[in-house]
Protein backbone atom coordinates (compact mmCIF):
# COMPACT_ATOMS: atom_id res chain seq x y z
CA MET A 1 13.83 -9.99 1.51
CA ALA A 2 12.48 -6.50 1.02
CA ARG A 3 9.53 -6.08 -1.31
CA THR A 4 9.75 -3.82 -4.35
CA LYS A 5 7.82 -0.58 -4.59
CA GLU A 6 5.42 -2.17 -7.06
CA GLU A 7 4.80 -5.13 -4.75
CA LEU A 8 4.09 -2.81 -1.83
CA LEU A 9 1.71 -0.66 -3.89
CA GLU A 10 -0.18 -3.76 -5.02
CA LYS A 11 -0.30 -5.06 -1.43
CA LEU A 12 -1.67 -1.71 -0.21
CA ALA A 13 -4.44 -1.83 -2.82
CA GLU A 14 -5.20 -5.47 -1.98
CA ASP A 15 -5.31 -4.75 1.77
CA VAL A 16 -7.82 -1.94 1.18
CA VAL A 17 -10.04 -4.13 -1.02
CA GLU A 18 -9.97 -6.90 1.59
CA MET A 19 -10.66 -4.32 4.36
CA GLU A 20 -7.61 -5.51 6.28
CA ASP A 21 -7.06 -2.28 8.22
CA GLU A 22 -4.20 -3.60 10.36
CA ASP A 23 -2.41 -4.91 7.26
CA VAL A 24 -2.86 -1.52 5.55
CA VAL A 25 -1.01 0.13 8.43
CA VAL A 26 1.82 -2.42 8.37
CA THR A 27 2.23 -2.24 4.59
CA ALA A 28 2.05 1.56 4.53
CA LYS A 29 4.74 1.74 7.22
CA GLU A 30 6.95 -0.67 5.28
CA TYR A 31 6.45 1.42 2.13
CA LEU A 32 7.32 4.70 3.86
CA ASP A 33 10.23 3.20 5.81
CA ALA A 34 11.70 2.07 2.48
CA GLY A 35 11.83 5.75 1.49
CA TYR A 36 9.15 5.68 -1.19
CA PRO A 37 7.07 8.85 -1.77
CA ALA A 38 3.95 9.12 0.39
CA MET A 39 1.82 10.71 -2.35
CA GLU A 40 2.62 7.87 -4.73
CA GLY A 41 1.67 5.32 -2.08
CA LEU A 42 -1.57 7.12 -1.49
CA MET A 43 -2.53 7.49 -5.14
CA ASN A 44 -1.18 4.22 -6.56
CA GLY A 45 -1.88 2.04 -3.54
CA LEU A 46 -4.66 3.23 -1.27
CA VAL A 47 -6.78 5.10 -3.84
CA LYS A 48 -6.36 2.25 -6.33
CA GLY A 49 -7.73 -0.13 -3.70
CA MET A 50 -10.62 2.21 -2.86
CA SER A 51 -11.53 2.37 -6.54
CA LYS A 52 -11.77 -1.43 -6.66
CA ALA A 53 -13.69 -1.83 -3.39
């Protein structure tokens, strides 16, 4: 089952916090392949994780 946009954003942030670089790549690809906006993934996923780390 495909994950929702919110689930993918949360997973991106979590992967960054946990420093799981390979998982970040996989999750980011899944997010982009689902057609979600790259900037939103960056700001609400990756940057959110960097802020917590």
